[in-house]
């Protein structure tokens, strides 16, 4: 009888050792599931924000291209000439040509 009692005792201690391990694994699974849910939620919100930022980038690039084209047109020589004539500037048609050099100082 002593022998059978000793074997029962060793089986019971095996169950006592496996119970904390099972509790540990179940707790780990629950904790990791909660962490995965939190991370997934944050990623989905970040994805929405990222989409808004990408839309803003696209619209700013479009506006930049339009402004670049307007700047190119405004800086064209024909545009500058027409704007100058609207403001009253006129082109000087006379040409002054000196063929003989003049002395810098006259002797007295």
N, C-alpha and C. Protein backbone atom coordinates (compact mmCIF):
# COMPACT_ATOMS: atom_id res chain seq x y z
N UNK A 1 0.79 -1.19 0.00
CA UNK A 1 0.00 0.00 0.00
C UNK A 1 0.84 1.26 0.00
N UNK A 2 1.89 1.18 0.63
CA UNK A 2 2.75 2.34 0.64
C UNK A 2 3.25 2.64 -0.76
N UNK A 3 3.49 1.58 -1.46
CA UNK A 3 3.99 1.72 -2.82
C UNK A 3 2.96 2.42 -3.71
N UNK A 4 1.70 2.03 -3.65
CA UNK A 4 0.65 2.62 -4.48
C UNK A 4 0.37 4.06 -4.07
N UNK A 5 0.49 4.36 -2.79
CA UNK A 5 0.28 5.72 -2.33
C UNK A 5 1.37 6.63 -2.87
N UNK A 6 2.58 6.10 -2.93
CA UNK A 6 3.70 6.89 -3.46
C UNK A 6 3.52 7.17 -4.93
N UNK A 7 2.99 6.23 -5.71
CA UNK A 7 2.79 6.44 -7.13
C UNK A 7 1.66 7.42 -7.38
N UNK A 8 0.63 7.41 -6.53
CA UNK A 8 -0.47 8.36 -6.66
C UNK A 8 0.03 9.76 -6.37
N UNK A 9 0.92 9.85 -5.42
CA UNK A 9 1.47 11.15 -5.06
C UNK A 9 2.27 11.74 -6.23
N UNK A 10 3.02 10.93 -6.95
CA UNK A 10 3.82 11.45 -8.06
C UNK A 10 2.94 11.84 -9.24
N UNK A 11 1.81 11.17 -9.47
CA UNK A 11 0.90 11.53 -10.54
C UNK A 11 0.23 12.85 -10.21
N UNK A 12 -0.15 13.04 -8.98
CA UNK A 12 -0.78 14.28 -8.54
C UNK A 12 0.17 15.45 -8.69
N UNK A 13 1.44 15.27 -8.40
CA UNK A 13 2.39 16.36 -8.53
C UNK A 13 2.62 16.71 -10.00
N UNK A 14 2.46 15.75 -10.90
CA UNK A 14 2.56 16.03 -12.34
C UNK A 14 1.42 16.92 -12.82
N UNK A 15 0.23 16.68 -12.27
CA UNK A 15 -0.91 17.53 -12.61
C UNK A 15 -0.71 18.92 -12.04
N UNK A 16 -0.15 19.01 -10.87
CA UNK A 16 0.07 20.30 -10.23
C UNK A 16 1.08 21.13 -11.02
N UNK A 17 2.03 20.46 -11.66
CA UNK A 17 3.02 21.18 -12.47
C UNK A 17 2.44 21.62 -13.81
N UNK A 18 1.56 20.84 -14.39
CA UNK A 18 1.03 21.17 -15.71
C UNK A 18 -0.05 22.25 -15.65
N UNK A 19 -0.74 22.38 -14.52
CA UNK A 19 -1.79 23.39 -14.40
C UNK A 19 -1.25 24.81 -14.53
N UNK A 20 -0.17 25.20 -13.87
CA UNK A 20 0.35 26.55 -14.07
C UNK A 20 0.83 26.79 -15.50
N UNK A 21 1.36 25.76 -16.14
CA UNK A 21 1.82 25.91 -17.52
C UNK A 21 0.63 26.16 -18.43
N UNK A 22 -0.46 25.43 -18.22
CA UNK A 22 -1.66 25.63 -19.04
C UNK A 22 -2.24 27.03 -18.80
N UNK A 23 -2.27 27.45 -17.55
CA UNK A 23 -2.76 28.79 -17.22
C UNK A 23 -1.87 29.85 -17.87
N UNK A 24 -0.57 29.63 -17.84
CA UNK A 24 0.37 30.56 -18.47
C UNK A 24 0.10 30.68 -19.96
N UNK A 25 -0.06 29.55 -20.65
CA UNK A 25 -0.29 29.58 -22.09
C UNK A 25 -1.64 30.22 -22.44
N UNK A 26 -2.66 29.93 -21.67
CA UNK A 26 -3.96 30.54 -21.92
C UNK A 26 -3.88 32.05 -21.69
N UNK A 27 -3.21 32.46 -20.62
CA UNK A 27 -3.03 33.90 -20.35
C UNK A 27 -2.24 34.56 -21.47
N UNK A 28 -1.19 33.90 -21.94
CA UNK A 28 -0.37 34.46 -23.02
C UNK A 28 -1.19 34.61 -24.29
N UNK A 29 -2.03 33.63 -24.60
CA UNK A 29 -2.87 33.70 -25.79
C UNK A 29 -3.86 34.85 -25.68
N UNK A 30 -4.46 35.02 -24.51
CA UNK A 30 -5.42 36.12 -24.31
C UNK A 30 -4.71 37.47 -24.42
N UNK A 31 -3.56 37.61 -23.79
CA UNK A 31 -2.81 38.87 -23.83
C UNK A 31 -2.38 39.19 -25.26
N UNK A 32 -1.86 38.20 -25.97
CA UNK A 32 -1.42 38.44 -27.35
C UNK A 32 -2.60 38.77 -28.26
N UNK A 33 -3.76 38.20 -28.00
CA UNK A 33 -4.94 38.53 -28.79
C UNK A 33 -5.36 39.98 -28.58
N UNK A 34 -5.30 40.42 -27.33
CA UNK A 34 -5.63 41.81 -27.02
C UNK A 34 -4.62 42.76 -27.68
N UNK A 35 -3.34 42.42 -27.61
CA UNK A 35 -2.30 43.24 -28.23
C UNK A 35 -2.51 43.30 -29.75
N UNK A 36 -2.84 42.19 -30.36
CA UNK A 36 -3.07 42.16 -31.81
C UNK A 36 -4.25 43.04 -32.18
N UNK A 37 -5.30 43.02 -31.39
CA UNK A 37 -6.47 43.86 -31.65
C UNK A 37 -6.11 45.34 -31.55
N UNK A 38 -5.34 45.71 -30.55
CA UNK A 38 -4.94 47.11 -30.38
C UNK A 38 -4.07 47.55 -31.54
N UNK A 39 -3.10 46.74 -31.91
CA UNK A 39 -2.20 47.09 -33.02
C UNK A 39 -2.97 47.20 -34.33
N UNK A 40 -3.90 46.29 -34.58
CA UNK A 40 -4.70 46.35 -35.81
C UNK A 40 -5.55 47.61 -35.84
N UNK A 41 -6.10 47.99 -34.72
CA UNK A 41 -6.90 49.20 -34.64
C UNK A 41 -6.06 50.43 -34.95
N UNK A 42 -4.88 50.50 -34.39
CA UNK A 42 -3.99 51.66 -34.63
C UNK A 42 -3.54 51.71 -36.08
N UNK A 43 -3.26 50.54 -36.66
CA UNK A 43 -2.83 50.51 -38.06
C UNK A 43 -3.93 50.97 -38.99
N UNK A 44 -5.17 50.58 -38.70
CA UNK A 44 -6.28 51.00 -39.56
C UNK A 44 -6.49 52.50 -39.46
N UNK A 45 -6.35 53.08 -38.28
CA UNK A 45 -6.48 54.53 -38.14
C UNK A 45 -5.31 55.23 -38.82
N UNK A 46 -4.13 54.66 -38.72
CA UNK A 46 -2.98 55.26 -39.40
C UNK A 46 -3.15 55.19 -40.91
N UNK A 47 -3.77 54.13 -41.40
CA UNK A 47 -4.02 54.01 -42.83
C UNK A 47 -4.95 55.09 -43.35
N UNK A 48 -5.96 55.43 -42.57
CA UNK A 48 -6.88 56.50 -42.96
C UNK A 48 -6.14 57.83 -43.00
N UNK A 49 -5.34 58.10 -41.99
CA UNK A 49 -4.56 59.34 -41.95
C UNK A 49 -3.57 59.39 -43.12
N UNK A 50 -2.95 58.26 -43.42
CA UNK A 50 -2.01 58.20 -44.52
C UNK A 50 -2.71 58.48 -45.85
N UNK A 51 -3.91 57.97 -46.01
CA UNK A 51 -4.68 58.23 -47.23
C UNK A 51 -4.99 59.71 -47.39
N UNK A 52 -5.35 60.38 -46.30
CA UNK A 52 -5.63 61.82 -46.35
C UNK A 52 -4.37 62.59 -46.72
N UNK A 53 -3.24 62.20 -46.15
CA UNK A 53 -1.98 62.89 -46.46
C UNK A 53 -1.60 62.69 -47.92
N UNK A 54 -1.81 61.48 -48.44
CA UNK A 54 -1.51 61.23 -49.86
C UNK A 54 -2.42 62.06 -50.76
N UNK A 55 -3.69 62.24 -50.39
CA UNK A 55 -4.58 63.10 -51.17
C UNK A 55 -4.10 64.54 -51.16
N UNK A 56 -3.65 65.01 -50.01
CA UNK A 56 -3.12 66.37 -49.91
C UNK A 56 -1.87 66.53 -50.77
N UNK A 57 -1.01 65.53 -50.77
CA UNK A 57 0.21 65.59 -51.58
C UNK A 57 -0.15 65.69 -53.05
N UNK A 58 -1.12 64.87 -53.50
CA UNK A 58 -1.55 64.91 -54.90
C UNK A 58 -2.09 66.28 -55.27
N UNK A 59 -2.95 66.85 -54.42
CA UNK A 59 -3.54 68.16 -54.74
C UNK A 59 -2.47 69.26 -54.73
N UNK A 60 -1.51 69.17 -53.81
CA UNK A 60 -0.44 70.17 -53.78
C UNK A 60 0.48 70.06 -54.99
N UNK A 61 0.74 68.84 -55.45
CA UNK A 61 1.55 68.67 -56.65
C UNK A 61 0.84 69.24 -57.87
N UNK A 62 -0.49 69.05 -57.93
CA UNK A 62 -1.27 69.59 -59.03
C UNK A 62 -1.23 71.13 -59.00
N UNK A 63 -1.43 71.70 -57.82
CA UNK A 63 -1.38 73.16 -57.68
C UNK A 63 0.01 73.69 -58.03
N UNK A 64 1.04 72.95 -57.64
CA UNK A 64 2.42 73.36 -57.95
C UNK A 64 2.66 73.36 -59.45
N UNK A 65 2.14 72.35 -60.15
CA UNK A 65 2.31 72.28 -61.60
C UNK A 65 1.58 73.43 -62.28
N UNK A 66 0.37 73.75 -61.81
CA UNK A 66 -0.39 74.87 -62.39
C UNK A 66 0.33 76.18 -62.16
N UNK A 67 0.83 76.38 -60.95
CA UNK A 67 1.57 77.62 -60.66
C UNK A 67 2.86 77.71 -61.46
N UNK A 68 3.53 76.59 -61.67
CA UNK A 68 4.75 76.59 -62.49
C UNK A 68 4.45 76.98 -63.92
N UNK A 69 3.32 76.50 -64.45
CA UNK A 69 2.94 76.86 -65.81
C UNK A 69 2.58 78.34 -65.90
N UNK A 70 1.87 78.84 -64.90
CA UNK A 70 1.54 80.27 -64.89
C UNK A 70 2.80 81.13 -64.80
N UNK A 71 3.77 80.69 -64.00
CA UNK A 71 5.03 81.43 -63.89
C UNK A 71 5.78 81.41 -65.21
N UNK A 72 5.78 80.28 -65.89
CA UNK A 72 6.44 80.17 -67.19
C UNK A 72 5.81 81.13 -68.20
N UNK A 73 4.47 81.18 -68.21
CA UNK A 73 3.78 82.09 -69.13
C UNK A 73 4.05 83.54 -68.77
N UNK A 74 4.05 83.85 -67.48
CA UNK A 74 4.26 85.23 -67.04
C UNK A 74 5.68 85.70 -67.31
N UNK A 75 6.62 84.80 -67.30
CA UNK A 75 8.01 85.20 -67.51
C UNK A 75 8.43 85.13 -68.98
N UNK A 76 7.52 84.75 -69.85
CA UNK A 76 7.84 84.72 -71.28
C UNK A 76 8.04 86.15 -71.77
N UNK A 77 8.94 86.33 -72.72
CA UNK A 77 9.30 87.66 -73.20
C UNK A 77 8.11 88.37 -73.84
N UNK A 78 7.28 87.66 -74.58
CA UNK A 78 6.13 88.30 -75.21
C UNK A 78 5.14 88.80 -74.16
N UNK A 79 4.98 88.08 -73.07
CA UNK A 79 4.09 88.52 -72.01
C UNK A 79 4.64 89.77 -71.34
N UNK A 80 5.94 89.80 -71.12
CA UNK A 80 6.57 90.96 -70.49
C UNK A 80 6.43 92.18 -71.39
N UNK A 81 6.62 92.01 -72.70
CA UNK A 81 6.51 93.13 -73.63
C UNK A 81 5.08 93.66 -73.66
N UNK A 82 4.09 92.78 -73.72
CA UNK A 82 2.70 93.23 -73.77
C UNK A 82 2.30 93.91 -72.47
N UNK A 83 2.76 93.39 -71.33
CA UNK A 83 2.46 94.01 -70.03
C UNK A 83 3.12 95.37 -69.92
N UNK A 84 4.33 95.49 -70.45
CA UNK A 84 5.03 96.79 -70.42
C UNK A 84 4.30 97.81 -71.28
N UNK A 85 3.79 97.40 -72.44
CA UNK A 85 3.05 98.35 -73.28
C UNK A 85 1.73 98.74 -72.63
N UNK A 86 1.09 97.83 -71.90
CA UNK A 86 -0.13 98.17 -71.16
C UNK A 86 0.14 99.22 -70.09
N UNK A 87 1.31 99.14 -69.48
CA UNK A 87 1.67 100.09 -68.42
C UNK A 87 2.21 101.41 -68.96
N UNK A 88 2.31 101.55 -70.29
CA UNK A 88 2.74 102.81 -70.89
C UNK A 88 4.20 102.87 -71.29
N UNK A 89 4.91 101.82 -71.17
CA UNK A 89 6.29 101.80 -71.62
C UNK A 89 6.30 101.67 -73.14
N UNK A 90 7.23 102.38 -73.78
CA UNK A 90 7.35 102.30 -75.24
C UNK A 90 8.77 101.89 -75.60
N UNK A 91 8.87 101.27 -76.77
CA UNK A 91 10.18 100.81 -77.22
C UNK A 91 10.89 101.98 -77.89
N UNK A 92 12.13 102.20 -77.53
CA UNK A 92 12.92 103.28 -78.11
C UNK A 92 13.45 102.81 -79.46
N UNK A 93 13.04 103.52 -80.54
CA UNK A 93 13.42 103.10 -81.88
C UNK A 93 14.69 103.79 -82.36
N UNK A 94 15.04 104.90 -81.76
CA UNK A 94 16.21 105.63 -82.24
C UNK A 94 17.49 104.95 -81.78
N UNK A 95 18.45 105.01 -82.68
CA UNK A 95 19.75 104.45 -82.36
C UNK A 95 20.78 105.56 -82.44
N UNK A 96 21.64 105.62 -81.52
CA UNK A 96 22.68 106.62 -81.47
C UNK A 96 24.01 105.90 -81.68
N UNK A 97 24.70 106.30 -82.73
CA UNK A 97 25.96 105.66 -83.06
C UNK A 97 27.03 106.73 -83.08
N UNK A 98 28.11 106.51 -82.38
CA UNK A 98 29.26 107.42 -82.38
C UNK A 98 30.36 106.75 -83.17
N UNK A 99 30.79 107.44 -84.20
CA UNK A 99 31.87 106.88 -85.00
C UNK A 99 33.21 107.46 -84.61
N UNK A 100 33.23 108.67 -84.13
CA UNK A 100 34.47 109.32 -83.75
C UNK A 100 34.52 109.44 -82.23
N UNK A 101 35.64 109.10 -81.66
CA UNK A 101 35.78 109.19 -80.22
C UNK A 101 36.01 110.64 -79.83
N UNK A 102 35.40 111.04 -78.79
CA UNK A 102 35.55 112.38 -78.26
C UNK A 102 36.61 112.38 -77.17
N UNK A 103 37.39 113.44 -77.10
CA UNK A 103 38.39 113.49 -76.02
C UNK A 103 37.69 113.66 -74.68
N UNK A 104 38.33 113.14 -73.68
CA UNK A 104 37.74 113.21 -72.35
C UNK A 104 37.87 114.63 -71.78
N UNK A 105 38.96 115.26 -72.02
CA UNK A 105 39.16 116.63 -71.54
C UNK A 105 39.75 117.46 -72.65
N UNK A 106 39.27 118.65 -72.75
CA UNK A 106 39.81 119.56 -73.78
C UNK A 106 40.98 120.35 -73.21
N UNK A 107 41.96 120.57 -74.06
CA UNK A 107 43.12 121.35 -73.62
C UNK A 107 42.77 122.82 -73.73
N UNK A 108 43.21 123.60 -72.80
CA UNK A 108 42.92 125.02 -72.82
C UNK A 108 44.11 125.84 -73.08
